[in-house]
Amino acid sequence: MKEGLVRKASALIITAGLVMTALTACASPGTAQASCETTTTSGAASELVSATGDFGTAPDVNFPTPLKSATTQRSEIIAGSGDNLVAGQLISAEINIYNGTNGNVIAQGAYDEANVPLFLLNGADITGITDGLLCARVGERVVIVVAPDDGFAGADTQPAGIAATDTLVVVVDVVKAFLPRADGVDQTVANGLPAVVLDENGVPGVVVPSGDAPTTLEVGVLKKGAGQKVVEDSNVVVNLIGVLWKDKKVVSSTWTDGAPTQIVPNGVITGLATSLIGQTVGSQIVAVIPPDQGYRDTATASIPAGSTLIFVVDILGVN
């Protein structure tokens, strides 16, 4: 039996010697994609930055120094396609960061197609980067000039090589975007499964039926997505909530944690793996997992031995 249920997605913005983990919850992404608006637009400072080279390869970045801006600005270098990026969304991207005052490199992407970093657009720490990426698209290269007030001006300590008054120059290649929420077609679910009620942001609440828990694995597809199919060794990006059948207690929720999670079906409990394999990106499922396909007679910090588990999972992408 696998001990680990899930592992966190790496939602990181990396600067020199500083790793900032993003853990803020998302805000109504569904409607934002349909009518995306951003206050971060092109300006005199961002137009001074050039970033030549093919998308997905290390760019040749040039700008005059010192480059200063009192406002955060964004200029498109290479056009993208698809849905607009929204707050709270998980993306994979290559990001280069420079000090606008002296041109020094603060951080550079590795441009390794097999290991593109994940970033959560939640405005943690460097709000200007999130603001500059909102409404961008996959395949887009953007230049973001981050004003000090949207960078580290208010931080208790400054990262090495950055002063509170420095403007940042950021060049981003948006490689991939994962769904902000399950977007599949609503399905009719068999009677007897837990009811799932979504709030306006797509966060589920689970209504546990009265009566005894089922003794076999039961899976219902609440929304049927049209994306890639999950296989046993897929690296799947999901939002999920786990609930104990017996006392209706929530034992795990990525919505509460504020960031999606990556799981590999062949690395999690049997019932969850079986429930995910063969499903498609964009789907939402509800699974009732009996003890023999969960943790059996082993207790964890939050799950008693012999527990029947309920999971609701939004399948947001395959990384």
Protein backbone atom coordinates (compact mmCIF):
# COMPACT_ATOMS: atom_id res chain seq x y z
CA MET A 1 0.00 0.00 0.00
CA LYS A 2 1.32 3.40 -0.92
CA GLU A 3 1.83 5.62 2.12
CA GLY A 4 1.76 8.91 0.26
CA LEU A 5 -1.60 10.05 -1.05
CA VAL A 6 -0.55 13.13 -3.00
CA ARG A 7 2.41 15.43 -3.42
CA LYS A 8 2.34 19.16 -3.82
CA ALA A 9 2.74 20.83 -7.18
CA SER A 10 5.85 23.00 -7.32
CA ALA A 11 4.25 26.42 -7.43
CA LEU A 12 7.44 28.43 -7.26
CA ILE A 13 8.94 31.71 -8.33
CA ILE A 14 12.70 31.46 -8.10
CA THR A 15 15.06 34.38 -7.64
CA ALA A 16 18.71 34.29 -6.65
CA GLY A 17 18.86 32.44 -3.37
CA LEU A 18 15.13 32.85 -2.76
CA VAL A 19 12.32 30.34 -3.28
CA MET A 20 8.83 31.70 -2.74
CA THR A 21 6.04 29.15 -2.41
CA ALA A 22 2.64 30.29 -3.61
CA LEU A 23 -0.30 29.16 -1.48
CA THR A 24 -3.10 31.64 -2.08
CA ALA A 25 -6.52 30.39 -3.20
CA CYS A 26 -7.78 31.19 -6.68
CA ALA A 27 -10.58 33.62 -7.45
CA SER A 28 -13.46 32.82 -9.84
CA PRO A 29 -11.36 31.64 -12.82
CA GLY A 30 -14.24 30.38 -14.93
CA THR A 31 -15.78 33.72 -15.82
CA ALA A 32 -12.44 35.52 -15.93
CA GLN A 33 -11.28 33.46 -18.92
CA ALA A 34 -14.37 34.40 -20.89
CA SER A 35 -13.90 38.15 -20.44
CA CYS A 36 -10.31 38.79 -19.44
CA GLU A 37 -9.28 42.26 -18.42
CA THR A 38 -5.91 43.45 -17.18
CA THR A 39 -4.62 46.82 -16.07
CA THR A 40 -1.06 45.86 -16.99
CA THR A 41 -0.45 47.16 -20.49
CA SER A 42 2.46 48.12 -22.68
CA GLY A 43 4.34 51.27 -21.78
CA ALA A 44 7.48 53.25 -22.48
CA ALA A 45 9.62 51.11 -20.17
CA SER A 46 8.48 47.68 -21.38
CA GLU A 47 8.88 48.78 -25.01
CA LEU A 48 12.59 49.40 -24.34
CA VAL A 49 13.20 45.69 -23.63
CA SER A 50 14.04 43.30 -26.45
CA ALA A 51 14.00 39.51 -26.06
CA THR A 52 15.00 37.84 -29.29
CA GLY A 53 15.15 34.16 -30.15
CA ASP A 54 12.67 31.35 -30.64
CA PHE A 55 9.96 30.62 -28.10
CA GLY A 56 11.07 27.97 -25.62
CA THR A 57 14.77 28.78 -26.02
CA ALA A 58 16.87 31.11 -23.89
CA PRO A 59 16.24 34.64 -25.19
CA ASP A 60 18.83 37.31 -25.86
CA VAL A 61 17.56 40.08 -23.58
CA ASN A 62 18.66 43.68 -23.90
CA PHE A 63 17.52 46.95 -22.33
CA PRO A 64 19.13 50.28 -21.41
CA THR A 65 20.21 50.77 -17.80
CA PRO A 66 19.13 52.10 -15.48
CA LEU A 67 15.57 51.12 -16.48
CA LYS A 68 13.04 52.60 -14.07
CA SER A 69 9.26 52.54 -14.01
CA ALA A 70 6.73 53.69 -11.44
CA THR A 71 4.11 51.35 -12.94
CA THR A 72 4.19 47.68 -13.91
CA GLN A 73 4.04 47.28 -17.69
CA ARG A 74 3.82 44.39 -20.13
CA SER A 75 4.72 44.03 -23.81
CA GLU A 76 4.06 41.01 -26.00
CA ILE A 77 7.13 39.72 -27.85
CA ILE A 78 5.70 36.50 -29.33
CA ALA A 79 1.94 36.00 -29.67
CA GLY A 80 0.26 33.02 -28.02
CA SER A 81 -3.06 31.25 -28.47
CA GLY A 82 -5.81 29.63 -26.44
CA ASP A 83 -7.57 30.81 -23.30
CA ASN A 84 -6.37 33.77 -21.28
CA LEU A 85 -4.48 33.08 -18.07
CA VAL A 86 -6.41 33.91 -14.90
CA ALA A 87 -5.62 34.46 -11.23
CA GLY A 88 -5.07 31.25 -9.29
CA GLN A 89 -4.19 29.23 -12.39
CA LEU A 90 -1.24 26.83 -12.49
CA ILE A 91 1.07 27.21 -15.46
CA SER A 92 4.43 25.93 -16.61
CA ALA A 93 6.76 28.67 -17.79
CA GLU A 94 10.37 29.66 -18.31
CA ILE A 95 11.11 32.88 -16.45
CA ASN A 96 14.17 35.13 -16.57
CA ILE A 97 14.52 37.98 -14.07
CA TYR A 98 16.91 40.92 -14.33
CA ASN A 99 17.71 43.95 -12.21
CA GLY A 100 16.56 46.95 -14.22
CA THR A 101 19.02 49.28 -12.49
CA ASN A 102 22.22 47.51 -13.52
CA GLY A 103 21.10 44.76 -15.91
CA ASN A 104 22.36 41.96 -13.67
CA VAL A 105 20.77 38.52 -14.00
CA ILE A 106 18.72 37.55 -10.94
CA ALA A 107 17.32 34.24 -12.22
CA GLN A 108 17.33 32.34 -15.50
CA GLY A 109 15.23 29.49 -16.83
CA ALA A 110 16.85 26.16 -17.67
CA TYR A 111 14.81 25.71 -20.90
CA ASP A 112 14.62 21.96 -20.39
CA GLU A 113 11.49 20.74 -22.19
CA ALA A 114 11.18 17.76 -19.84
CA ASN A 115 11.32 19.87 -16.66
CA VAL A 116 9.58 23.20 -17.16
CA PRO A 117 8.92 24.83 -13.76
CA LEU A 118 5.37 25.23 -12.45
CA PHE A 119 4.07 28.59 -11.23
CA LEU A 120 0.86 29.53 -9.48
CA LEU A 121 -0.59 32.88 -10.56
CA ASN A 122 -1.60 34.13 -7.15
CA GLY A 123 0.44 37.29 -6.68
CA ALA A 124 2.48 35.88 -3.80
CA ASP A 125 5.61 37.92 -3.13
CA ILE A 126 6.07 39.38 -6.63
CA THR A 127 2.61 40.66 -7.50
CA GLY A 128 3.89 42.32 -10.65
CA ILE A 129 4.71 38.99 -12.28
CA THR A 130 1.19 37.67 -11.75
CA ASP A 131 -0.31 41.00 -12.87
CA GLY A 132 1.85 40.93 -15.98
CA LEU A 133 0.81 37.39 -16.89
CA LEU A 134 -2.94 37.75 -16.42
CA CYS A 135 -4.70 37.51 -19.79
CA ALA A 136 -1.55 36.19 -21.51
CA ARG A 137 -1.86 32.96 -23.50
CA VAL A 138 0.05 29.71 -23.94
CA GLY A 139 2.85 30.12 -26.48
CA GLU A 140 3.28 33.78 -25.62
CA ARG A 141 6.54 35.46 -24.71
CA VAL A 142 6.03 38.58 -22.66
CA VAL A 143 8.26 41.22 -21.16
CA ILE A 144 7.12 42.50 -17.78
CA VAL A 145 8.70 45.57 -16.22
CA VAL A 146 7.84 45.29 -12.53
CA ALA A 147 7.67 48.54 -10.58
CA PRO A 148 9.33 48.45 -7.12
CA ASP A 149 5.96 48.66 -5.35
CA ASP A 150 4.88 45.47 -7.18
CA GLY A 151 8.19 43.75 -6.49
CA PHE A 152 10.14 43.78 -3.24
CA ALA A 153 9.67 47.34 -2.01
CA GLY A 154 7.51 46.25 0.90
CA ALA A 155 9.43 43.09 1.77
CA ASP A 156 11.09 42.75 5.17
CA THR A 157 14.29 41.59 3.51
CA GLN A 158 15.55 42.02 -0.04
CA PRO A 159 16.84 39.10 -2.12
CA ALA A 160 20.52 39.23 -2.97
CA GLY A 161 21.17 41.63 -5.79
CA ILE A 162 17.90 43.56 -5.50
CA ALA A 163 17.30 46.85 -3.68
CA ALA A 164 13.87 48.08 -2.60
CA THR A 165 14.04 50.81 -5.26
CA ASP A 166 15.00 48.50 -8.15
CA THR A 167 12.68 47.89 -11.06
CA LEU A 168 12.65 44.28 -12.25
CA VAL A 169 12.72 43.16 -15.87
CA VAL A 170 11.05 39.78 -16.36
CA VAL A 171 10.89 37.75 -19.58
CA VAL A 172 8.41 34.86 -19.56
CA ASP A 173 7.67 32.07 -22.04
CA VAL A 174 4.26 30.60 -21.16
CA VAL A 175 4.75 26.93 -22.06
CA LYS A 176 1.54 25.36 -20.75
CA ALA A 177 -1.55 26.26 -18.73
CA PHE A 178 -3.60 23.84 -16.68
CA LEU A 179 -7.33 24.25 -16.38
CA PRO A 180 -8.41 26.47 -13.49
CA ARG A 181 -11.34 24.09 -12.86
CA ALA A 182 -13.03 21.07 -14.44
CA ASP A 183 -14.83 22.28 -17.56
CA GLY A 184 -16.41 19.07 -18.89
CA VAL A 185 -20.02 18.40 -19.79
CA ASP A 186 -22.31 17.70 -16.82
CA GLN A 187 -23.21 14.02 -16.46
CA THR A 188 -26.00 12.12 -14.75
CA VAL A 189 -24.65 10.24 -11.73
CA ALA A 190 -26.11 7.04 -10.27
CA ASN A 191 -28.16 7.25 -7.09
CA GLY A 192 -26.38 6.40 -3.85
CA LEU A 193 -23.17 8.31 -4.54
CA PRO A 194 -22.41 11.38 -2.42
CA ALA A 195 -23.93 14.58 -3.77
CA VAL A 196 -21.48 17.28 -4.81
CA VAL A 197 -22.44 20.96 -4.68
CA LEU A 198 -20.17 23.58 -6.24
CA ASP A 199 -19.86 27.18 -5.14
CA GLU A 200 -19.42 30.03 -7.64
CA ASN A 201 -15.68 29.33 -7.87
CA GLY A 202 -16.11 25.61 -8.50
CA VAL A 203 -15.10 24.56 -4.98
CA PRO A 204 -17.04 21.39 -4.07
CA GLY A 205 -18.97 20.55 -0.96
CA VAL A 206 -19.74 16.89 -0.33
CA VAL A 207 -23.05 15.62 1.04
CA VAL A 208 -22.51 12.14 2.49
CA PRO A 209 -25.52 9.80 2.17
CA SER A 210 -27.07 8.37 5.30
CA GLY A 211 -26.63 4.66 5.84
CA ASP A 212 -23.76 2.25 5.59
CA ALA A 213 -20.80 2.90 3.31
CA PRO A 214 -20.49 0.73 0.19
CA THR A 215 -18.04 -2.16 0.38
CA THR A 216 -16.87 -1.89 -3.22
CA LEU A 217 -15.25 0.94 -5.14
CA GLU A 218 -17.85 3.29 -6.66
CA VAL A 219 -16.97 6.01 -9.16
CA GLY A 220 -19.20 8.62 -10.71
CA VAL A 221 -18.27 11.06 -13.48
CA LEU A 222 -19.81 14.43 -12.63
CA LYS A 223 -18.31 16.28 -15.61
CA LYS A 224 -16.89 14.61 -18.71
CA GLY A 225 -13.88 16.42 -20.14
CA ALA A 226 -12.63 16.31 -23.69
CA GLY A 227 -8.91 16.37 -22.91
CA GLN A 228 -6.05 13.89 -22.68
CA LYS A 229 -6.73 10.51 -21.09
CA VAL A 230 -5.05 9.65 -17.80
CA VAL A 231 -2.86 6.53 -17.74
CA GLU A 232 -1.19 4.85 -14.77
CA ASP A 233 2.10 6.74 -15.05
CA SER A 234 0.62 10.13 -15.98
CA ASN A 235 1.74 13.10 -13.91
CA VAL A 236 -1.75 14.48 -13.31
CA VAL A 237 -2.51 17.99 -12.06
CA VAL A 238 -5.66 17.94 -9.93
CA ASN A 239 -7.68 19.74 -7.34
CA LEU A 240 -9.22 17.33 -4.88
CA ILE A 241 -11.07 17.06 -1.59
CA GLY A 242 -11.07 13.98 0.61
CA VAL A 243 -13.83 13.26 3.15
CA LEU A 244 -14.36 10.47 5.68
CA TRP A 245 -17.66 8.67 5.09
CA LYS A 246 -18.21 7.82 8.75
CA ASP A 247 -17.95 11.25 10.38
CA LYS A 248 -18.11 13.45 7.24
CA LYS A 249 -14.84 15.14 8.17
CA VAL A 250 -12.70 16.75 5.46
CA VAL A 251 -9.20 15.26 5.68
CA SER A 252 -7.60 16.88 2.64
CA SER A 253 -8.47 19.74 0.30
CA THR A 254 -6.24 21.41 -2.24
CA TRP A 255 -8.86 24.14 -2.56
CA THR A 256 -8.27 24.97 1.10
CA ASP A 257 -4.50 24.65 0.67
CA GLY A 258 -4.72 27.10 -2.22
CA ALA A 259 -2.78 25.19 -4.87
CA PRO A 260 -3.45 22.23 -7.18
CA THR A 261 -1.53 19.01 -6.62
CA GLN A 262 0.33 16.63 -8.90
CA ILE A 263 -0.30 12.92 -8.49
CA VAL A 264 0.79 9.82 -10.38
CA PRO A 265 -1.90 7.11 -10.33
CA ASN A 266 0.59 4.30 -9.79
CA GLY A 267 1.91 6.17 -6.73
CA VAL A 268 -1.32 6.66 -4.74
CA ILE A 269 -3.85 4.42 -2.97
CA THR A 270 -5.38 1.78 -5.19
CA GLY A 271 -8.95 3.10 -5.17
CA LEU A 272 -7.92 6.61 -6.18
CA ALA A 273 -5.63 5.27 -8.90
CA THR A 274 -8.38 3.07 -10.35
CA SER A 275 -10.80 5.99 -10.24
CA LEU A 276 -8.46 8.25 -12.23
CA ILE A 277 -7.05 5.89 -14.87
CA GLY A 278 -9.00 6.23 -18.11
CA GLN A 279 -10.57 9.57 -17.14
CA THR A 280 -9.96 12.64 -19.28
CA VAL A 281 -8.64 16.12 -18.58
CA GLY A 282 -11.50 18.49 -17.82
CA SER A 283 -13.46 15.80 -15.97
CA GLN A 284 -14.69 15.92 -12.40
CA ILE A 285 -15.23 12.64 -10.60
CA VAL A 286 -16.54 11.47 -7.24
CA ALA A 287 -15.12 8.23 -5.85
CA VAL A 288 -16.11 6.21 -2.77
CA ILE A 289 -13.10 4.13 -1.75
CA PRO A 290 -13.55 1.19 0.68
CA PRO A 291 -10.79 0.39 3.18
CA ASP A 292 -9.37 -2.50 1.18
CA GLN A 293 -8.54 -0.07 -1.65
CA GLY A 294 -7.51 2.74 0.68
CA TYR A 295 -5.41 2.49 3.82
CA ARG A 296 -6.82 -0.85 5.04
CA ASP A 297 -6.02 -1.26 8.75
CA THR A 298 -3.35 1.43 8.78
CA ALA A 299 -4.14 4.76 10.39
CA THR A 300 -2.61 8.08 9.34
CA ALA A 301 -2.54 11.38 11.21
CA SER A 302 -5.96 12.33 9.84
CA ILE A 303 -7.48 9.04 8.62
CA PRO A 304 -8.49 6.31 11.10
CA ALA A 305 -7.78 2.69 10.28
CA GLY A 306 -10.52 0.99 8.26
CA SER A 307 -11.92 4.23 6.87
CA THR A 308 -14.08 4.55 3.77
CA LEU A 309 -12.97 7.65 1.86
CA ILE A 310 -14.78 9.95 -0.52
CA PHE A 311 -12.81 11.95 -3.08
CA VAL A 312 -14.00 14.63 -5.48
CA VAL A 313 -11.34 15.34 -8.10
CA ASP A 314 -11.03 18.00 -10.78
CA ILE A 315 -8.62 16.72 -13.46
CA LEU A 316 -6.88 19.88 -14.62
CA GLY A 317 -4.15 18.54 -16.89
CA VAL A 318 -1.38 16.06 -17.54
CA ASN A 319 2.07 17.52 -17.06
